[in-house]
Amino acid sequence: MMVSCKEVSQLVSRSLDHPLPISERLVVHMHLMVCKLCSRYRRQLHFLQRAARRLPEHLDETAMPPLSDEAKQRIRADLDADKENS
């Protein structure tokens, strides 16, 4: 059974967060054997996942200046407005 690239991309994406059942892993594996574009997509997702996991190691507290009191008030007002509109 062959599945579409769209279905495989969704499964690959989901597999980053949760283990797939064996049947879905098999479907993905078979598709990746014949589809270079989906294989590339999977490698790119794994690269991004690894980079995102390492990001906190490289953040410096001085890299982002603290928010001014005025900015904090604007953000708070926007959040409060969103709550009222919900």
PDB file of N, CA and C in Angstrom:
ATOM      1  N   MET A   1       0.849  -1.178   0.000  1.00  0.00           N
ATOM      2  CA  MET A   1       0.000   0.000   0.000  1.00  0.00           C
ATOM      3  C   MET A   1       0.888   1.232   0.000  1.00  0.00           C
ATOM      4  N   MET A   2       0.715   2.083  -0.999  1.00  0.00           N
ATOM      5  CA  MET A   2       1.498   3.301  -1.098  1.00  0.00           C
ATOM      6  C   MET A   2       0.667   4.474  -0.601  1.00  0.00           C
ATOM      7  N   VAL A   3       1.280   5.315   0.205  1.00  0.00           N
ATOM      8  CA  VAL A   3       0.593   6.493   0.725  1.00  0.00           C
ATOM      9  C   VAL A   3       1.178   7.732   0.066  1.00  0.00           C
ATOM     10  N   SER A   4       0.456   8.821   0.170  1.00  0.00           N
ATOM     11  CA  SER A   4       0.902  10.058  -0.468  1.00  0.00           C
ATOM     12  C   SER A   4       2.014  10.728   0.332  1.00  0.00           C
ATOM     13  N   CYS A   5       2.717  11.610  -0.328  1.00  0.00           N
ATOM     14  CA  CYS A   5       3.764  12.378   0.341  1.00  0.00           C
ATOM     15  C   CYS A   5       3.161  13.237   1.456  1.00  0.00           C
ATOM     16  N   LYS A   6       1.974  13.743   1.241  1.00  0.00           N
ATOM     17  CA  LYS A   6       1.322  14.555   2.268  1.00  0.00           C
ATOM     18  C   LYS A   6       1.087  13.721   3.525  1.00  0.00           C
ATOM     19  N   GLU A   7       0.603  12.510   3.355  1.00  0.00           N
ATOM     20  CA  GLU A   7       0.357  11.636   4.508  1.00  0.00           C
ATOM     21  C   GLU A   7       1.664  11.292   5.223  1.00  0.00           C
ATOM     22  N   VAL A   8       2.697  11.008   4.447  1.00  0.00           N
ATOM     23  CA  VAL A   8       3.985  10.656   5.044  1.00  0.00           C
ATOM     24  C   VAL A   8       4.582  11.851   5.771  1.00  0.00           C
ATOM     25  N   SER A   9       4.461  13.042   5.195  1.00  0.00           N
ATOM     26  CA  SER A   9       5.007  14.221   5.868  1.00  0.00           C
ATOM     27  C   SER A   9       4.306  14.452   7.211  1.00  0.00           C
ATOM     28  N   GLN A  10       3.028  14.188   7.263  1.00  0.00           N
ATOM     29  CA  GLN A  10       2.299  14.322   8.523  1.00  0.00           C
ATOM     30  C   GLN A  10       2.756  13.278   9.534  1.00  0.00           C
ATOM     31  N   LEU A  11       2.965  12.063   9.071  1.00  0.00           N
ATOM     32  CA  LEU A  11       3.436  10.998   9.963  1.00  0.00           C
ATOM     33  C   LEU A  11       4.851  11.288  10.467  1.00  0.00           C
ATOM     34  N   VAL A  12       5.707  11.755   9.576  1.00  0.00           N
ATOM     35  CA  VAL A  12       7.082  12.080   9.964  1.00  0.00           C
ATOM     36  C   VAL A  12       7.068  13.194  11.001  1.00  0.00           C
ATOM     37  N   SER A  13       6.264  14.189  10.776  1.00  0.00           N
ATOM     38  CA  SER A  13       6.163  15.297  11.720  1.00  0.00           C
ATOM     39  C   SER A  13       5.646  14.817  13.073  1.00  0.00           C
ATOM     40  N   ARG A  14       4.621  13.995  13.044  1.00  0.00           N
ATOM     41  CA  ARG A  14       4.045  13.457  14.286  1.00  0.00           C
ATOM     42  C   ARG A  14       5.047  12.574  15.024  1.00  0.00           C
ATOM     43  N   SER A  15       5.899  11.881  14.272  1.00  0.00           N
ATOM     44  CA  SER A  15       6.863  10.978  14.898  1.00  0.00           C
ATOM     45  C   SER A  15       7.919  11.719  15.712  1.00  0.00           C
ATOM     46  N   LEU A  16       8.072  13.008  15.478  1.00  0.00           N
ATOM     47  CA  LEU A  16       9.023  13.779  16.272  1.00  0.00           C
ATOM     48  C   LEU A  16       8.554  13.942  17.705  1.00  0.00           C
ATOM     49  N   ASP A  17       7.238  13.938  17.895  1.00  0.00           N
ATOM     50  CA  ASP A  17       6.669  14.145  19.221  1.00  0.00           C
ATOM     51  C   ASP A  17       6.241  12.861  19.911  1.00  0.00           C
ATOM     52  N   HIS A  18       5.821  11.880  19.132  1.00  0.00           N
ATOM     53  CA  HIS A  18       5.299  10.639  19.696  1.00  0.00           C
ATOM     54  C   HIS A  18       5.755   9.461  18.844  1.00  0.00           C
ATOM     55  N   PRO A  19       6.081   8.352  19.469  1.00  0.00           N
ATOM     56  CA  PRO A  19       6.426   7.166  18.678  1.00  0.00           C
ATOM     57  C   PRO A  19       5.221   6.705  17.860  1.00  0.00           C
ATOM     58  N   LEU A  20       5.489   6.342  16.628  1.00  0.00           N
ATOM     59  CA  LEU A  20       4.419   5.838  15.766  1.00  0.00           C
ATOM     60  C   LEU A  20       4.222   4.352  16.002  1.00  0.00           C
ATOM     61  N   PRO A  21       3.004   3.884  15.798  1.00  0.00           N
ATOM     62  CA  PRO A  21       2.787   2.426  15.839  1.00  0.00           C
ATOM     63  C   PRO A  21       3.609   1.752  14.744  1.00  0.00           C
ATOM     64  N   ILE A  22       3.917   0.509  14.939  1.00  0.00           N
ATOM     65  CA  ILE A  22       4.774  -0.228  14.014  1.00  0.00           C
ATOM     66  C   ILE A  22       4.228  -0.194  12.583  1.00  0.00           C
ATOM     67  N   SER A  23       2.922  -0.264  12.422  1.00  0.00           N
ATOM     68  CA  SER A  23       2.348  -0.262  11.076  1.00  0.00           C
ATOM     69  C   SER A  23       2.618   1.066  10.367  1.00  0.00           C
ATOM     70  N   GLU A  24       2.511   2.178  11.095  1.00  0.00           N
ATOM     71  CA  GLU A  24       2.777   3.486  10.494  1.00  0.00           C
ATOM     72  C   GLU A  24       4.271   3.673  10.239  1.00  0.00           C
ATOM     73  N   ARG A  25       5.110   3.174  11.154  1.00  0.00           N
ATOM     74  CA  ARG A  25       6.558   3.262  10.933  1.00  0.00           C
ATOM     75  C   ARG A  25       6.955   2.506   9.678  1.00  0.00           C
ATOM     76  N   LEU A  26       6.338   1.368   9.468  1.00  0.00           N
ATOM     77  CA  LEU A  26       6.627   0.566   8.279  1.00  0.00           C
ATOM     78  C   LEU A  26       6.200   1.298   7.014  1.00  0.00           C
ATOM     79  N   VAL A  27       5.031   1.901   7.039  1.00  0.00           N
ATOM     80  CA  VAL A  27       4.539   2.667   5.890  1.00  0.00           C
ATOM     81  C   VAL A  27       5.507   3.811   5.571  1.00  0.00           C
ATOM     82  N   VAL A  28       5.933   4.527   6.607  1.00  0.00           N
ATOM     83  CA  VAL A  28       6.865   5.640   6.407  1.00  0.00           C
ATOM     84  C   VAL A  28       8.184   5.123   5.845  1.00  0.00           C
ATOM     85  N   HIS A  29       8.701   4.074   6.444  1.00  0.00           N
ATOM     86  CA  HIS A  29       9.977   3.512   5.996  1.00  0.00           C
ATOM     87  C   HIS A  29       9.919   3.108   4.519  1.00  0.00           C
ATOM     88  N   MET A  30       8.878   2.421   4.124  1.00  0.00           N
ATOM     89  CA  MET A  30       8.733   1.987   2.733  1.00  0.00           C
ATOM     90  C   MET A  30       8.656   3.187   1.790  1.00  0.00           C
ATOM     91  N   HIS A  31       7.915   4.202   2.200  1.00  0.00           N
ATOM     92  CA  HIS A  31       7.782   5.386   1.357  1.00  0.00           C
ATOM     93  C   HIS A  31       9.125   6.108   1.232  1.00  0.00           C
ATOM     94  N   LEU A  32       9.849   6.224   2.355  1.00  0.00           N
ATOM     95  CA  LEU A  32      11.124   6.935   2.328  1.00  0.00           C
ATOM     96  C   LEU A  32      12.166   6.218   1.474  1.00  0.00           C
ATOM     97  N   MET A  33      12.001   4.918   1.302  1.00  0.00           N
ATOM     98  CA  MET A  33      12.935   4.162   0.458  1.00  0.00           C
ATOM     99  C   MET A  33      12.830   4.588  -1.006  1.00  0.00           C
ATOM    100  N   VAL A  34      11.660   5.066  -1.404  1.00  0.00           N
ATOM    101  CA  VAL A  34      11.472   5.401  -2.817  1.00  0.00           C
ATOM    102  C   VAL A  34      11.281   6.900  -3.068  1.00  0.00           C
ATOM    103  N   CYS A  35      11.106   7.689  -2.037  1.00  0.00           N
ATOM    104  CA  CYS A  35      10.806   9.107  -2.231  1.00  0.00           C
ATOM    105  C   CYS A  35      11.921   9.977  -1.651  1.00  0.00           C
ATOM    106  N   LYS A  36      12.724  10.540  -2.527  1.00  0.00           N
ATOM    107  CA  LYS A  36      13.842  11.366  -2.076  1.00  0.00           C
ATOM    108  C   LYS A  36      13.373  12.669  -1.445  1.00  0.00           C
ATOM    109  N   LEU A  37      12.272  13.213  -1.917  1.00  0.00           N
ATOM    110  CA  LEU A  37      11.787  14.472  -1.359  1.00  0.00           C
ATOM    111  C   LEU A  37      11.322  14.304   0.089  1.00  0.00           C
ATOM    112  N   CYS A  38      10.614  13.233   0.365  1.00  0.00           N
ATOM    113  CA  CYS A  38      10.169  12.982   1.743  1.00  0.00           C
ATOM    114  C   CYS A  38      11.353  12.639   2.634  1.00  0.00           C
ATOM    115  N   SER A  39      12.327  11.943   2.094  1.00  0.00           N
ATOM    116  CA  SER A  39      13.534  11.640   2.870  1.00  0.00           C
ATOM    117  C   SER A  39      14.254  12.930   3.235  1.00  0.00           C
ATOM    118  N   ARG A  40      14.334  13.846   2.290  1.00  0.00           N
ATOM    119  CA  ARG A  40      14.961  15.139   2.564  1.00  0.00           C
ATOM    120  C   ARG A  40      14.162  15.909   3.613  1.00  0.00           C
ATOM    121  N   TYR A  41      12.836  15.880   3.484  1.00  0.00           N
ATOM    122  CA  TYR A  41      11.973  16.557   4.456  1.00  0.00           C
ATOM    123  C   TYR A  41      12.212  15.998   5.857  1.00  0.00           C
ATOM    124  N   ARG A  42      12.314  14.694   5.966  1.00  0.00           N
ATOM    125  CA  ARG A  42      12.565  14.053   7.271  1.00  0.00           C
ATOM    126  C   ARG A  42      13.905  14.496   7.846  1.00  0.00           C
ATOM    127  N   ARG A  43      14.947  14.520   7.016  1.00  0.00           N
ATOM    128  CA  ARG A  43      16.260  14.972   7.491  1.00  0.00           C
ATOM    129  C   ARG A  43      16.205  16.426   7.953  1.00  0.00           C
ATOM    130  N   GLN A  44      15.492  17.259   7.210  1.00  0.00           N
ATOM    131  CA  GLN A  44      15.374  18.662   7.589  1.00  0.00           C
ATOM    132  C   GLN A  44      14.647  18.819   8.919  1.00  0.00           C
ATOM    133  N   LEU A  45      13.580  18.069   9.121  1.00  0.00           N
ATOM    134  CA  LEU A  45      12.865  18.138  10.395  1.00  0.00           C
ATOM    135  C   LEU A  45      13.747  17.704  11.555  1.00  0.00           C
ATOM    136  N   HIS A  46      14.513  16.639  11.356  1.00  0.00           N
ATOM    137  CA  HIS A  46      15.404  16.169  12.413  1.00  0.00           C
ATOM    138  C   HIS A  46      16.496  17.200  12.702  1.00  0.00           C
ATOM    139  N   PHE A  47      17.000  17.838  11.649  1.00  0.00           N
ATOM    140  CA  PHE A  47      17.999  18.890  11.843  1.00  0.00           C
ATOM    141  C   PHE A  47      17.416  20.036  12.671  1.00  0.00           C
ATOM    142  N   LEU A  48      16.210  20.475  12.317  1.00  0.00           N
ATOM    143  CA  LEU A  48      15.567  21.567  13.049  1.00  0.00           C
ATOM    144  C   LEU A  48      15.288  21.179  14.494  1.00  0.00           C
ATOM    145  N   GLN A  49      14.884  19.946  14.710  1.00  0.00           N
ATOM    146  CA  GLN A  49      14.618  19.484  16.067  1.00  0.00           C
ATOM    147  C   GLN A  49      15.896  19.509  16.907  1.00  0.00           C
ATOM    148  N   ARG A  50      16.990  19.015  16.339  1.00  0.00           N
ATOM    149  CA  ARG A  50      18.259  19.031  17.072  1.00  0.00           C
ATOM    150  C   ARG A  50      18.709  20.464  17.344  1.00  0.00           C
ATOM    151  N   ALA A  51      18.559  21.335  16.365  1.00  0.00           N
ATOM    152  CA  ALA A  51      18.966  22.730  16.543  1.00  0.00           C
ATOM    153  C   ALA A  51      18.128  23.409  17.626  1.00  0.00           C
ATOM    154  N   ALA A  52      16.839  23.158  17.624  1.00  0.00           N
ATOM    155  CA  ALA A  52      15.957  23.768  18.625  1.00  0.00           C
ATOM    156  C   ALA A  52      16.287  23.261  20.029  1.00  0.00           C
ATOM    157  N   ARG A  53      16.646  22.010  20.144  1.00  0.00           N
ATOM    158  CA  ARG A  53      16.998  21.459  21.457  1.00  0.00           C
ATOM    159  C   ARG A  53      18.307  22.058  21.985  1.00  0.00           C
ATOM    160  N   ARG A  54      19.208  22.410  21.066  1.00  0.00           N
ATOM    161  CA  ARG A  54      20.489  22.962  21.481  1.00  0.00           C
ATOM    162  C   ARG A  54      20.441  24.470  21.679  1.00  0.00           C
ATOM    163  N   LEU A  55      19.414  25.124  21.199  1.00  0.00           N
ATOM    164  CA  LEU A  55      19.320  26.575  21.252  1.00  0.00           C
ATOM    165  C   LEU A  55      19.494  27.144  22.652  1.00  0.00           C
ATOM    166  N   PRO A  56      18.809  26.625  23.682  1.00  0.00           N
ATOM    167  CA  PRO A  56      18.975  27.203  25.016  1.00  0.00           C
ATOM    168  C   PRO A  56      20.422  27.202  25.503  1.00  0.00           C
ATOM    169  N   GLU A  57      21.227  26.257  25.050  1.00  0.00           N
ATOM    170  CA  GLU A  57      22.628  26.206  25.443  1.00  0.00           C
ATOM    171  C   GLU A  57      23.386  27.429  24.945  1.00  0.00           C
ATOM    172  N   HIS A  58      22.930  27.994  23.832  1.00  0.00           N
ATOM    173  CA  HIS A  58      23.663  29.071  23.184  1.00  0.00           C
ATOM    174  C   HIS A  58      23.081  30.452  23.461  1.00  0.00           C
ATOM    175  N   LEU A  59      21.986  30.508  24.159  1.00  0.00           N
ATOM    176  CA  LEU A  59      21.388  31.800  24.457  1.00  0.00           C
ATOM    177  C   LEU A  59      22.146  32.468  25.591  1.00  0.00           C
ATOM    178  N   ASP A  60      22.367  33.727  25.422  1.00  0.00           N
ATOM    179  CA  ASP A  60      23.036  34.526  26.440  1.00  0.00           C
ATOM    180  C   ASP A  60      22.007  35.515  26.964  1.00  0.00           C
ATOM    181  N   GLU A  61      21.945  35.678  28.259  1.00  0.00           N
ATOM    182  CA  GLU A  61      20.947  36.582  28.838  1.00  0.00           C
ATOM    183  C   GLU A  61      21.114  37.997  28.321  1.00  0.00           C
ATOM    184  N   THR A  62      22.311  38.377  27.938  1.00  0.00           N
ATOM    185  CA  THR A  62      22.540  39.735  27.435  1.00  0.00           C
ATOM    186  C   THR A  62      22.191  39.859  25.962  1.00  0.00           C
ATOM    187  N   ALA A  63      21.911  38.737  25.303  1.00  0.00           N
ATOM    188  CA  ALA A  63      21.601  38.780  23.874  1.00  0.00           C
ATOM    189  C   ALA A  63      20.279  39.480  23.613  1.00  0.00           C
ATOM    190  N   MET A  64      19.376  39.438  24.555  1.00  0.00           N
ATOM    191  CA  MET A  64      18.078  40.074  24.400  1.00  0.00           C
ATOM    192  C   MET A  64      17.881  41.045  25.560  1.00  0.00           C
ATOM    193  N   PRO A  65      17.796  42.340  25.255  1.00  0.00           N
ATOM    194  CA  PRO A  65      17.647  43.311  26.344  1.00  0.00           C
ATOM    195  C   PRO A  65      16.309  43.130  27.053  1.00  0.00           C
ATOM    196  N   PRO A  66      16.254  43.492  28.330  1.00  0.00           N
ATOM    197  CA  PRO A  66      14.996  43.352  29.068  1.00  0.00           C
ATOM    198  C   PRO A  66      13.946  44.315  28.520  1.00  0.00           C
ATOM    199  N   LEU A  67      12.684  43.943  28.683  1.00  0.00           N
ATOM    200  CA  LEU A  67      11.593  44.797  28.226  1.00  0.00           C
ATOM    201  C   LEU A  67      11.448  46.018  29.134  1.00  0.00           C
ATOM    202  N   SER A  68      11.120  47.132  28.515  1.00  0.00           N
ATOM    203  CA  SER A  68      10.858  48.329  29.302  1.00  0.00           C
ATOM    204  C   SER A  68       9.505  48.165  29.994  1.00  0.00           C
ATOM    205  N   ASP A  69       9.281  48.979  31.022  1.00  0.00           N
ATOM    206  CA  ASP A  69       7.998  48.931  31.723  1.00  0.00           C
ATOM    207  C   ASP A  69       6.856  49.268  30.767  1.00  0.00           C
ATOM    208  N   GLU A  70       7.104  50.193  29.848  1.00  0.00           N
ATOM    209  CA  GLU A  70       6.080  50.576  28.871  1.00  0.00           C
ATOM    210  C   GLU A  70       5.724  49.394  27.969  1.00  0.00           C
ATOM    211  N   ALA A  71       6.730  48.657  27.523  1.00  0.00           N
ATOM    212  CA  ALA A  71       6.483  47.492  26.668  1.00  0.00           C
ATOM    213  C   ALA A  71       5.709  46.425  27.424  1.00  0.00           C
ATOM    214  N   LYS A  72       6.073  46.211  28.684  1.00  0.00           N
ATOM    215  CA  LYS A  72       5.351  45.231  29.500  1.00  0.00           C
ATOM    216  C   LYS A  72       3.885  45.616  29.658  1.00  0.00           C
ATOM    217  N   GLN A  73       3.613  46.902  29.853  1.00  0.00           N
ATOM    218  CA  GLN A  73       2.230  47.370  29.998  1.00  0.00           C
ATOM    219  C   GLN A  73       1.441  47.174  28.704  1.00  0.00           C
ATOM    220  N   ARG A  74       2.081  47.448  27.554  1.00  0.00           N
ATOM    221  CA  ARG A  74       1.408  47.247  26.259  1.00  0.00           C
ATOM    222  C   ARG A  74       1.056  45.768  26.064  1.00  0.00           C
ATOM    223  N   ILE A  75       1.994  44.918  26.385  1.00  0.00           N
ATOM    224  CA  ILE A  75       1.750  43.483  26.234  1.00  0.00           C
ATOM    225  C   ILE A  75       0.633  43.033  27.160  1.00  0.00           C
ATOM    226  N   ARG A  76       0.674  43.485  28.399  1.00  0.00           N
ATOM    227  CA  ARG A  76      -0.363  43.119  29.362  1.00  0.00           C
ATOM    228  C   ARG A  76      -1.736  43.596  28.881  1.00  0.00           C
ATOM    229  N   ALA A  77      -1.800  44.839  28.348  1.00  0.00           N
ATOM    230  CA  ALA A  77      -3.068  45.383  27.851  1.00  0.00           C
ATOM    231  C   ALA A  77      -3.574  44.563  26.670  1.00  0.00           C
ATOM    232  N   ASP A  78      -2.671  44.163  25.772  1.00  0.00           N
ATOM    233  CA  ASP A  78      -3.077  43.342  24.621  1.00  0.00           C
ATOM    234  C   ASP A  78      -3.597  41.982  25.073  1.00  0.00           C
ATOM    235  N   LEU A  79      -2.928  41.376  26.040  1.00  0.00           N
ATOM    236  CA  LEU A  79      -3.382  40.074  26.548  1.00  0.00           C
ATOM    237  C   LEU A  79      -4.743  40.201  27.221  1.00  0.00           C
ATOM    238  N   ASP A  80      -4.928  41.266  27.993  1.00  0.00           N
ATOM    239  CA  ASP A  80      -6.215  41.482  28.651  1.00  0.00           C
ATOM    240  C   ASP A  80      -7.315  41.696  27.622  1.00  0.00           C
ATOM    241  N   ALA A  81      -7.016  42.438  26.548  1.00  0.00           N
ATOM    242  CA  ALA A  81      -7.999  42.688  25.493  1.00  0.00           C
ATOM    243  C   ALA A  81      -8.369  41.378  24.801  1.00  0.00           C
ATOM    244  N   ASP A  82      -7.365  40.510  24.586  1.00  0.00           N
ATOM    245  CA  ASP A  82      -7.642  39.209  23.967  1.00  0.00           C
ATOM    246  C   ASP A  82      -8.555  38.360  24.844  1.00  0.00           C
ATOM    247  N   LYS A  83      -8.347  38.415  26.157  1.00  0.00           N
ATOM    248  CA  LYS A  83      -9.195  37.652  27.083  1.00  0.00           C
ATOM    249  C   LYS A  83     -10.635  38.148  27.022  1.00  0.00           C
ATOM    250  N   GLU A  84     -10.807  39.448  26.928  1.00  0.00           N
ATOM    251  CA  GLU A  84     -12.148  40.024  26.870  1.00  0.00           C
ATOM    252  C   GLU A  84     -12.866  39.664  25.585  1.00  0.00           C
ATOM    253  N   ASN A  85     -12.111  39.540  24.488  1.00  0.00           N
ATOM    254  CA  ASN A  85     -12.699  39.219  23.184  1.00  0.00           C
ATOM    255  C   ASN A  85     -12.952  37.716  23.014  1.00  0.00           C
ATOM    256  N   SER A  86     -12.421  36.914  23.903  1.00  0.00           N
ATOM    257  CA  SER A  86     -12.608  35.453  23.785  1.00  0.00           C
ATOM    258  C   SER A  86     -13.905  35.000  24.355  1.00  0.00           C
TER     259      SER A  86
END
